[in-house]
Structures are given as structure tokens and as C-alpha cells.
Amino acid sequence: MKRQMLVLLVAALAMILAACGGQQPQAPAAEPAAPATEAPAAPEAPETPDTPEATEEPEATEEPAEVPTAEPAPAGGEMAQPVTGGMLQTIISRGNLICGANQVLPGFGNVDAAGEFSGFDVDFCRAVAAAIFDDPTSVEFRPLTAAERFTAVQTGEVDVLIRNTTHTLSRDGAVGLDFSPITFYDGQGMMVRIADGIDSLEDMAGARICVQTGTTTELNLADNFRARGLDFEAVVFQDADATFAAYDTGQCDGFTTDKSGLVSYQTKANDPSEHKILDVTMSKEPLAPSVLQGDAQWADAVRWIVFATIEAEELGITSENIDTFMDSDEPTIRRFLGIEGDLGEGIGLPNDFAARVIRHVGNYEEIYNRNLGPDTPFNLPRGQNALYTDGGLLYSPPFR
């Protein structure tokens, strides 16, 4: 009996030991936890061939980055503005500039009996020629009407348009022009006969008004009268001379264009004393040179030629005293005149392009006074066309 009980106890003990031993293999069942230990094998992913290849691909990207020799790029970005090719190279190869201009607007663009062009805009054409060729006469003037001017730029008939043209969003966008800095801040006005007793636009209800078609002037006229609830009749003509002639002969009660143009045309009236310009400004008319979009180098060249005339006035450099500045120790003046540095190269021009412009054509003040200033029939005050230091809007970025 004792033996049987002993056998039973041994058997029970064996079963208990078996049960305990069965859980030991389960402890390694924590081996599934081993993956948790292998999870850091994720760092091994970088050791897979995929990652090194990904590292090599940037090297392939770096090669093209070196292709455009970065050496010249800092000077002016040769890739975006190649020094060989484009409009500037075409002009240099041709040997002269072709400038679209006005020929019937005294003070801005006019032709005398001898066929000589003169005027504010004409002088800026000469400034561009002087910068490129060191010769202000290396320019061919192409007379253009308001209706012809944009087509002439788009078709390449002219290299640059400097013809009392207002900078607007649609002309910058839809027409495809790149505008240079504003050379003349203007505004639209109205000329009437003194005898008619007209003192404001409100006195012109039902009036016949002569206006040139295809211009911002025509659009501004409609906007101003509609805003005032006034009816009027627009009598339109293709060119400015015909428009003013119709007014001067009594076909219209008023004549509208930019105020600078009104001053100019009043001098051409049969009797200038019979007319007056109303004290009203109907629009903003910022006039500026323009070139065809798509040639950044050429646009930059014209832009900085204009800035050069403004900067020279601020620095006090004129066509008469420029030689006294050539020995200056002032870094700003030395860079501006091209005595040191290579600023011109970045835009495809000679480094002394500003000096050429000032020597041959003059600074902004000289250009303005020669064509519109106190000693001319127009005697137009500078107003907004003065330097920012004198309360005007003219301001040049640094030449550096």
C-alpha cells in the first residue's frame, strides 16, 4: 500500500515537473520578442544597397550644376542673359539702334524742316545709342503712330520704343512689352476754348471731344465722364496731329491728351491765347521706354541706361563737368563711371556705359531742361519728375 502511494506521489511529481518544463519552451516563446530586438535592424536599412544608390544620385545631380560654368554667372548670370546673341548682339552687329519715336509732339518727339529729330524721348533714344556705341548719332528713328507702335515692337521693326507710351498692366502682359523705369510722370487733361466758359468737366455735358483712338486717353475719357454721369460724343482720329487740328478748327468743344501733350499742342494752335487747360487730372500716365519681352539682357541694358541719367543728376555729374569726376576717389562715383569694377559686363554693356551717356547726352536734368524746361516754350515745372531728394518720384537703385 505504501508502495502504491509512493508510485502515485512519484507520478504526481512527474506531472508537476512536466507542467513546469512545458512553460520553459514558452519562455523562448518570448522569441517573438526577439523581433523586437531585431527591430533596431531598421538601422540596417541604411546599409542596404538602396540607400547608397540614393546617395550617389545627388552626385549625378551635382554634375549638371557644374555644367554652366559658375565663374561668369556672378558677373551677370550668363545662362539667363547670354552675352552672345539676343537683341543687344543684333544691334551691335548691325551697327546702329532702331528706336520707335514720335515725330509730331514738340518737346517729346518732333521732326523739323531739315528732318532732324528732337525732344525728350528722342534724347533717351540717343542715350541708348551712346551707351552701346559711344556715339549718340548711331540711331535710326522710326516714326510711329499710336496705332503702329506696339506692332512695331512685336514684329522687331524697332529695337526699343521710346514714344510717350504709358506703362499699364495690359501692355506689360497681353501686349508683351517689358517697360523700363518711368522717364516722365504725366496725367491726362482737357483743353477748351476760353470763350466757351468751361471751367470743369461738369460743364462739358453733351460736348464733342476730340481724342486719339487706340490710346489710354480714349479709355480714360469714357471712364471719367461715365463716373460723373455725363454724356459726350467722342470724335476720334488715328493720329495726334489730326486730332488737335480738328479741335483747333472748331470741330470739337474739347481736346484731351496727356497734360504734357496739351502744353505742347497749345503752342501749335492758330491762337494759343484762345485756349486753356482745365485744372483737372483725369488719370495717371507714367511714360516709359519699352522693349519686347523675352530678352532679359536687352531689357536690363535699357533699364540701367535710364537709371544712369537719374543717378548722374543725384551725383551732380553733368556733360560739362564729367571730366572733373574721372579722378575721383569716391567708390560710388568710380563704379558709376566704370573707372573700376565690371558692372557693365553683367548686362552686356561696356563698363563705362554711364559715362558715355552723360558725356554725349547729359543727365536727367539736362535732358529735361533742354526739351521741356524754363528756356523752352513749354516751361514745364519738374513736379513729380524731380529727384526724390527734391520731393519728386525719380530714384535710381545703387550702381554696385
Protein backbone atom coordinates (compact mmCIF):
# COMPACT_ATOMS: atom_id res chain seq x y z
CA MET A 1 0.00 0.00 0.00
CA LYS A 2 2.79 2.33 0.91
CA ARG A 3 4.47 1.34 -2.32
CA GLN A 4 1.32 2.21 -4.31
CA MET A 5 1.10 5.57 -2.61
CA LEU A 6 4.76 6.18 -3.34
CA VAL A 7 4.18 5.37 -7.01
CA LEU A 8 1.24 7.79 -7.08
CA LEU A 9 3.32 10.52 -5.46
CA VAL A 10 6.15 9.99 -7.95
CA ALA A 11 3.66 10.10 -10.81
CA ALA A 12 2.09 13.31 -9.50
CA LEU A 13 5.52 14.86 -9.05
CA ALA A 14 6.45 13.93 -12.62
CA MET A 15 3.29 15.56 -13.91
CA ILE A 16 4.08 18.75 -11.95
CA LEU A 17 7.63 18.78 -13.28
CA ALA A 18 6.34 18.20 -16.83
CA ALA A 19 3.97 21.12 -16.43
CA CYS A 20 6.81 23.35 -15.25
CA GLY A 21 9.07 22.15 -18.04
CA GLY A 22 6.31 22.89 -20.60
CA GLN A 23 6.49 26.55 -19.76
CA GLN A 24 10.20 26.78 -20.35
CA PRO A 25 9.90 26.29 -24.07
CA GLN A 26 7.36 29.09 -23.85
CA ALA A 27 9.91 31.39 -22.35
CA PRO A 28 11.71 31.30 -25.65
CA ALA A 29 8.23 31.94 -26.93
CA ALA A 30 9.37 35.36 -25.93
CA GLU A 31 11.47 34.85 -29.05
CA PRO A 32 8.75 36.61 -30.89
CA ALA A 33 10.01 39.42 -28.69
CA ALA A 34 13.32 38.80 -30.40
CA PRO A 35 11.93 40.59 -33.42
CA ALA A 36 11.56 43.49 -31.04
CA THR A 37 15.28 43.20 -30.58
CA GLU A 38 15.67 42.86 -34.35
CA ALA A 39 13.51 45.89 -34.91
CA PRO A 40 16.60 48.04 -34.49
CA ALA A 41 17.59 46.11 -37.57
CA ALA A 42 15.80 49.04 -39.18
CA PRO A 43 19.08 50.91 -38.89
CA GLU A 44 20.37 48.14 -41.09
CA ALA A 45 18.14 49.50 -43.83
CA PRO A 46 20.65 52.27 -44.47
CA GLU A 47 23.16 49.51 -45.02
CA THR A 48 21.13 48.04 -47.84
CA PRO A 49 22.32 48.82 -51.35
CA ASP A 50 19.26 51.08 -51.91
CA THR A 51 20.45 53.85 -49.64
CA PRO A 52 23.97 54.14 -51.01
CA GLU A 53 22.49 54.39 -54.52
CA ALA A 54 20.21 57.17 -53.33
CA THR A 55 23.31 58.91 -52.07
CA GLU A 56 25.00 58.55 -55.42
CA GLU A 57 22.10 60.13 -57.34
CA PRO A 58 22.64 63.58 -55.82
CA GLU A 59 26.15 63.29 -57.20
CA ALA A 60 24.64 62.86 -60.62
CA THR A 61 22.56 65.97 -59.94
CA GLU A 62 25.60 67.93 -58.90
CA GLU A 63 27.29 67.35 -62.25
CA PRO A 64 24.76 69.39 -64.27
CA ALA A 65 25.00 72.11 -61.62
CA GLU A 66 28.65 72.44 -62.61
CA VAL A 67 28.00 72.49 -66.34
CA PRO A 68 27.07 76.20 -66.55
CA THR A 69 30.48 77.49 -65.60
CA ALA A 70 29.65 79.34 -62.45
CA GLU A 71 32.61 81.67 -62.97
CA PRO A 72 30.87 84.23 -65.23
CA ALA A 73 27.49 83.73 -63.56
CA PRO A 74 28.17 86.06 -60.63
CA ALA A 75 29.02 88.87 -63.04
CA GLY A 76 25.59 88.81 -64.59
CA GLY A 77 24.25 85.32 -64.95
CA GLU A 78 25.40 84.28 -68.41
CA MET A 79 22.92 81.42 -68.58
CA ALA A 80 19.92 83.73 -68.30
CA GLN A 81 21.50 86.57 -70.25
CA PRO A 82 23.97 85.30 -72.82
CA VAL A 83 26.45 87.92 -73.90
CA THR A 84 26.47 86.45 -77.38
CA GLY A 85 23.11 86.57 -79.10
CA GLY A 86 19.88 88.37 -78.38
CA MET A 87 18.79 91.84 -79.37
CA LEU A 88 21.87 93.61 -78.00
CA GLN A 89 24.20 91.50 -80.13
CA THR A 90 21.95 92.05 -83.15
CA ILE A 91 22.16 95.82 -82.65
CA ILE A 92 25.94 95.73 -82.24
CA SER A 93 26.34 93.61 -85.38
CA ARG A 94 24.04 95.93 -87.34
CA GLY A 95 25.98 98.98 -86.21
CA ASN A 96 23.06 101.15 -85.10
CA LEU A 97 19.99 101.29 -82.88
CA ILE A 98 16.46 101.45 -84.32
CA CYS A 99 14.25 103.48 -82.00
CA GLY A 100 10.49 103.89 -82.36
CA ALA A 101 9.63 107.55 -81.77
CA ASN A 102 7.04 110.26 -82.18
CA GLN A 103 7.50 112.89 -84.88
CA VAL A 104 4.61 115.25 -84.21
CA LEU A 105 4.83 116.05 -80.49
CA PRO A 106 7.06 119.07 -79.82
CA GLY A 107 9.07 118.70 -76.64
CA PHE A 108 8.96 114.89 -76.74
CA GLY A 109 9.38 113.73 -80.32
CA ASN A 110 9.32 116.09 -83.28
CA VAL A 111 10.92 116.47 -86.72
CA ASP A 112 11.97 119.86 -88.06
CA ALA A 113 12.06 121.06 -91.67
CA ALA A 114 15.55 119.63 -92.07
CA GLY A 115 14.38 116.18 -90.99
CA GLU A 116 16.15 116.36 -87.62
CA PHE A 117 14.52 114.65 -84.65
CA SER A 118 14.44 116.38 -81.28
CA GLY A 119 12.69 116.02 -77.96
CA PHE A 120 12.76 114.46 -74.50
CA ASP A 121 12.03 110.91 -75.73
CA VAL A 122 14.38 111.35 -78.68
CA ASP A 123 17.24 112.16 -76.29
CA PHE A 124 16.65 108.89 -74.45
CA CYS A 125 16.96 107.08 -77.79
CA ARG A 126 20.29 108.83 -78.23
CA ALA A 127 21.31 107.87 -74.69
CA VAL A 128 20.84 104.18 -75.52
CA ALA A 129 22.91 104.57 -78.71
CA ALA A 130 25.62 106.41 -76.79
CA ALA A 131 25.84 103.65 -74.16
CA ILE A 132 26.26 100.95 -76.80
CA PHE A 133 28.35 102.69 -79.48
CA ASP A 134 29.84 105.70 -77.66
CA ASP A 135 28.05 107.67 -80.39
CA PRO A 136 24.61 109.25 -79.87
CA THR A 137 24.11 109.54 -83.64
CA SER A 138 24.24 105.76 -84.16
CA VAL A 139 20.45 105.59 -84.08
CA GLU A 140 17.77 105.40 -86.73
CA PHE A 141 14.48 106.97 -85.69
CA ARG A 142 11.38 105.13 -86.86
CA PRO A 143 8.32 107.45 -86.71
CA LEU A 144 5.29 105.57 -85.35
CA THR A 145 1.67 106.47 -84.71
CA ALA A 146 -0.07 105.30 -81.54
CA ALA A 147 -1.75 102.54 -83.53
CA GLU A 148 1.52 101.33 -85.08
CA ARG A 149 3.84 101.41 -82.09
CA PHE A 150 3.12 98.07 -80.41
CA THR A 151 3.11 96.10 -83.64
CA ALA A 152 6.48 97.63 -84.49
CA VAL A 153 7.93 96.24 -81.25
CA GLN A 154 6.25 92.85 -81.59
CA THR A 155 7.48 92.32 -85.16
CA GLY A 156 11.01 93.51 -84.45
CA GLU A 157 10.70 96.57 -86.68
CA VAL A 158 12.18 98.60 -83.82
CA ASP A 159 14.62 97.60 -81.09
CA VAL A 160 13.12 99.87 -78.45
CA LEU A 161 10.02 102.06 -78.21
CA ILE A 162 10.54 105.48 -76.61
CA ARG A 163 7.42 107.34 -77.67
CA ASN A 164 5.30 108.88 -74.88
CA THR A 165 3.84 105.47 -74.02
CA THR A 166 2.03 104.79 -70.75
CA HIS A 167 3.10 101.77 -68.71
CA THR A 168 -0.03 99.71 -67.96
CA LEU A 169 -0.67 96.17 -66.76
CA SER A 170 -2.26 95.02 -70.03
CA ARG A 171 0.64 96.36 -72.08
CA ASP A 172 3.05 94.61 -69.77
CA GLY A 173 1.05 91.39 -70.04
CA ALA A 174 -1.16 90.92 -73.09
CA VAL A 175 0.79 93.19 -75.44
CA GLY A 176 4.08 91.60 -74.38
CA LEU A 177 6.23 94.62 -73.52
CA ASP A 178 8.96 94.96 -70.89
CA PHE A 179 8.98 98.51 -69.55
CA SER A 180 12.00 100.45 -68.34
CA PRO A 181 11.87 102.95 -65.45
CA ILE A 182 9.39 105.81 -65.77
CA THR A 183 11.02 108.74 -67.56
CA PHE A 184 8.05 111.12 -67.26
CA TYR A 185 5.17 111.11 -64.76
CA ASP A 186 2.17 112.59 -66.51
CA GLY A 187 -1.61 112.78 -66.24
CA GLN A 188 -4.46 113.27 -68.71
CA GLY A 189 -6.00 116.71 -69.04
CA MET A 190 -8.50 118.69 -71.11
CA MET A 191 -8.07 121.74 -73.32
CA VAL A 192 -11.03 124.04 -74.07
CA ARG A 193 -11.68 127.47 -75.54
CA ILE A 194 -11.75 130.29 -73.04
CA ALA A 195 -14.71 131.87 -74.84
CA ASP A 196 -16.89 128.81 -74.13
CA GLY A 197 -16.86 129.49 -70.38
CA ILE A 198 -15.94 125.90 -69.48
CA ASP A 199 -14.23 125.63 -66.09
CA SER A 200 -14.63 121.92 -65.25
CA LEU A 201 -15.58 118.60 -66.78
CA GLU A 202 -19.04 119.01 -65.28
CA ASP A 203 -19.53 121.95 -67.65
CA MET A 204 -18.99 119.63 -70.64
CA ALA A 205 -22.20 117.57 -70.59
CA GLY A 206 -23.11 116.71 -74.20
CA ALA A 207 -19.80 118.10 -75.53
CA ARG A 208 -17.94 116.84 -78.58
CA ILE A 209 -14.43 115.88 -77.57
CA CYS A 210 -11.53 115.19 -79.94
CA VAL A 211 -9.45 112.20 -78.84
CA GLN A 212 -6.87 109.95 -80.47
CA THR A 213 -8.07 106.38 -80.88
CA GLY A 214 -6.11 103.33 -79.73
CA THR A 215 -4.79 105.11 -76.64
CA THR A 216 -5.34 105.02 -72.89
CA THR A 217 -6.57 108.61 -73.39
CA GLU A 218 -9.69 107.35 -75.18
CA LEU A 219 -10.44 104.85 -72.40
CA ASN A 220 -9.83 107.36 -69.59
CA LEU A 221 -12.14 109.88 -71.24
CA ALA A 222 -15.01 107.37 -71.23
CA ASP A 223 -14.28 106.37 -67.61
CA ASN A 224 -14.22 109.96 -66.32
CA PHE A 225 -17.44 111.04 -68.00
CA ARG A 226 -19.27 107.85 -67.04
CA ALA A 227 -18.16 108.28 -63.41
CA ARG A 228 -19.66 111.78 -63.46
CA GLY A 229 -22.84 110.66 -65.20
CA LEU A 230 -22.12 112.91 -68.19
CA ASP A 231 -22.92 112.23 -71.83
CA PHE A 232 -20.41 113.22 -74.50
CA GLU A 233 -19.51 112.48 -78.09
CA ALA A 234 -16.02 111.18 -78.81
CA VAL A 235 -14.64 112.39 -82.15
CA VAL A 236 -11.74 110.03 -82.84
CA PHE A 237 -8.73 110.22 -85.15
CA GLN A 238 -5.82 107.87 -85.85
CA ASP A 239 -3.01 110.35 -85.21
CA ALA A 240 -2.45 113.12 -82.72
CA ASP A 241 -1.92 115.94 -85.23
CA ALA A 242 -5.25 115.27 -86.95
CA THR A 243 -6.95 115.11 -83.55
CA PHE A 244 -5.68 118.51 -82.49
CA ALA A 245 -6.29 120.06 -85.93
CA ALA A 246 -9.96 119.05 -85.71
CA TYR A 247 -10.25 120.74 -82.32
CA ASP A 248 -8.36 123.85 -83.43
CA THR A 249 -10.69 124.28 -86.41
CA GLY A 250 -13.78 124.10 -84.20
CA GLN A 251 -14.97 120.54 -84.81
CA CYS A 252 -14.84 119.76 -81.09
CA ASP A 253 -15.54 121.55 -77.82
CA GLY A 254 -12.55 119.98 -76.11
CA PHE A 255 -9.27 118.23 -76.84
CA THR A 256 -7.86 115.65 -74.43
CA THR A 257 -4.47 114.01 -74.11
CA ASP A 258 -1.64 113.90 -71.56
CA LYS A 259 -1.09 117.29 -69.91
CA SER A 260 2.43 117.49 -71.30
CA GLY A 261 0.93 116.96 -74.75
CA LEU A 262 -1.66 119.67 -74.17
CA VAL A 263 1.10 122.15 -73.31
CA SER A 264 2.94 121.10 -76.45
CA TYR A 265 -0.09 121.37 -78.74
CA GLN A 266 -1.20 124.70 -77.36
CA THR A 267 1.96 126.18 -78.89
CA LYS A 268 0.76 124.89 -82.28
CA ALA A 269 -2.72 126.44 -82.09
CA ASN A 270 -3.69 129.20 -84.53
CA ASP A 271 -4.02 131.46 -81.50
CA PRO A 272 -2.65 129.84 -78.31
CA SER A 273 -4.14 132.61 -76.15
CA GLU A 274 -7.68 131.47 -77.04
CA HIS A 275 -7.27 128.16 -75.20
CA LYS A 276 -6.76 126.97 -71.64
CA ILE A 277 -6.06 123.69 -69.90
CA LEU A 278 -8.57 122.77 -67.20
CA ASP A 279 -7.34 122.24 -63.66
CA VAL A 280 -8.22 118.54 -63.63
CA THR A 281 -6.16 115.37 -63.84
CA MET A 282 -8.14 112.52 -65.34
CA SER A 283 -5.62 109.68 -64.94
CA LYS A 284 -2.13 108.54 -64.09
CA GLU A 285 0.10 108.41 -67.17
CA PRO A 286 3.59 107.09 -66.31
CA LEU A 287 5.53 107.25 -69.58
CA ALA A 288 8.42 104.83 -70.12
CA PRO A 289 10.58 103.16 -72.78
CA SER A 290 9.73 99.54 -73.60
CA VAL A 291 11.19 96.53 -75.39
CA LEU A 292 9.81 93.16 -76.44
CA GLN A 293 9.51 90.61 -73.63
CA GLY A 294 11.79 87.59 -73.64
CA ASP A 295 15.24 89.18 -73.76
CA ALA A 296 16.28 89.90 -70.18
CA GLN A 297 19.71 91.24 -71.10
CA TRP A 298 18.35 93.84 -73.52
CA ALA A 299 15.63 94.90 -71.08
CA ASP A 300 18.25 95.27 -68.33
CA ALA A 301 20.52 97.32 -70.59
CA VAL A 302 17.81 99.87 -71.44
CA ARG A 303 16.64 99.94 -67.82
CA TRP A 304 20.08 100.81 -66.42
CA ILE A 305 20.78 103.36 -69.14
CA VAL A 306 17.71 105.25 -67.95
CA PHE A 307 18.79 104.86 -64.31
CA ALA A 308 22.21 106.25 -65.27
CA THR A 309 20.71 109.63 -66.23
CA ILE A 310 18.90 109.83 -62.87
CA GLU A 311 21.90 108.68 -60.81
CA ALA A 312 24.14 111.22 -62.57
CA GLU A 313 21.83 114.07 -61.60
CA GLU A 314 21.85 112.90 -57.99
CA LEU A 315 25.66 112.71 -58.01
CA GLY A 316 25.92 116.15 -59.63
CA ILE A 317 27.65 114.79 -62.76
CA THR A 318 26.81 116.63 -65.99
CA SER A 319 28.02 116.59 -69.56
CA GLU A 320 30.03 119.71 -68.79
CA ASN A 321 31.78 118.62 -65.60
CA ILE A 322 32.16 114.86 -66.09
CA ASP A 323 35.89 115.09 -66.70
CA THR A 324 36.43 116.56 -63.23
CA PHE A 325 34.97 113.37 -61.74
CA MET A 326 37.26 110.96 -63.59
CA ASP A 327 39.98 111.31 -60.91
CA SER A 328 37.55 110.95 -58.02
CA ASP A 329 38.48 108.68 -55.12
CA GLU A 330 34.82 108.20 -54.18
CA PRO A 331 33.99 104.47 -54.73
CA THR A 332 30.38 105.21 -55.70
CA ILE A 333 31.47 107.59 -58.47
CA ARG A 334 34.28 105.32 -59.67
CA ARG A 335 31.86 102.37 -60.01
CA PHE A 336 29.24 104.53 -61.70
CA LEU A 337 31.63 105.90 -64.31
CA GLY A 338 33.20 102.50 -64.92
CA ILE A 339 36.62 103.59 -63.68
CA GLU A 340 36.73 100.46 -61.55
CA GLY A 341 34.66 97.29 -61.34
CA ASP A 342 32.86 95.48 -64.13
CA LEU A 343 29.20 96.37 -63.63
CA GLY A 344 28.50 96.92 -67.32
CA GLU A 345 29.60 93.43 -68.30
CA GLY A 346 26.75 91.90 -66.33
CA ILE A 347 24.20 93.47 -68.68
CA GLY A 348 26.22 93.24 -71.89
CA LEU A 349 27.36 96.87 -71.93
CA PRO A 350 30.81 98.47 -71.68
CA ASN A 351 31.79 99.24 -68.10
CA ASP A 352 31.84 102.97 -68.87
CA PHE A 353 28.35 102.98 -70.40
CA ALA A 354 27.06 105.54 -67.87
CA ALA A 355 29.97 107.87 -68.58
CA ARG A 356 29.24 107.61 -72.31
CA VAL A 357 25.58 108.54 -71.76
CA ILE A 358 26.38 111.57 -69.60
CA ARG A 359 29.21 112.80 -71.80
CA HIS A 360 27.16 112.68 -75.01
CA VAL A 361 23.57 113.30 -73.87
CA GLY A 362 23.66 114.55 -70.30
CA ASN A 363 21.96 113.64 -67.02
CA TYR A 364 18.20 113.65 -66.50
CA GLU A 365 18.04 117.32 -65.53
CA GLU A 366 19.94 118.32 -68.66
CA ILE A 367 17.65 116.24 -70.88
CA TYR A 368 14.54 117.67 -69.18
CA ASN A 369 15.61 121.31 -69.28
CA ARG A 370 16.82 121.11 -72.86
CA ASN A 371 13.42 119.93 -74.08
CA LEU A 372 10.78 120.98 -71.54
CA GLY A 373 12.42 123.37 -69.07
CA PRO A 374 12.39 127.11 -68.36
CA ASP A 375 14.16 128.08 -71.58
CA THR A 376 11.66 126.26 -73.82
CA PRO A 377 8.18 127.35 -74.99
CA PHE A 378 6.69 124.77 -72.59
CA ASN A 379 8.36 125.77 -69.32
CA LEU A 380 7.02 122.68 -67.56
CA PRO A 381 7.80 122.57 -63.82
CA ARG A 382 9.57 119.36 -62.78
CA GLY A 383 6.88 118.44 -60.23
CA GLN A 384 6.79 114.65 -59.82
CA ASN A 385 9.64 114.43 -62.32
CA ALA A 386 12.12 115.81 -59.80
CA LEU A 387 14.56 113.70 -57.82
CA TYR A 388 13.21 112.07 -54.65
CA THR A 389 15.56 114.38 -52.72
CA ASP A 390 13.62 117.34 -54.14
CA GLY A 391 10.15 115.96 -53.47
CA GLY A 392 9.77 114.12 -56.80
CA LEU A 393 9.47 110.46 -57.74
CA LEU A 394 12.78 109.90 -59.54
CA TYR A 395 15.01 107.39 -57.79
CA SER A 396 17.79 105.11 -59.04
CA PRO A 397 18.87 101.84 -57.42
CA PRO A 398 22.54 101.67 -56.43
CA PHE A 399 25.22 101.14 -59.07
CA ARG A 400 27.09 98.42 -57.23
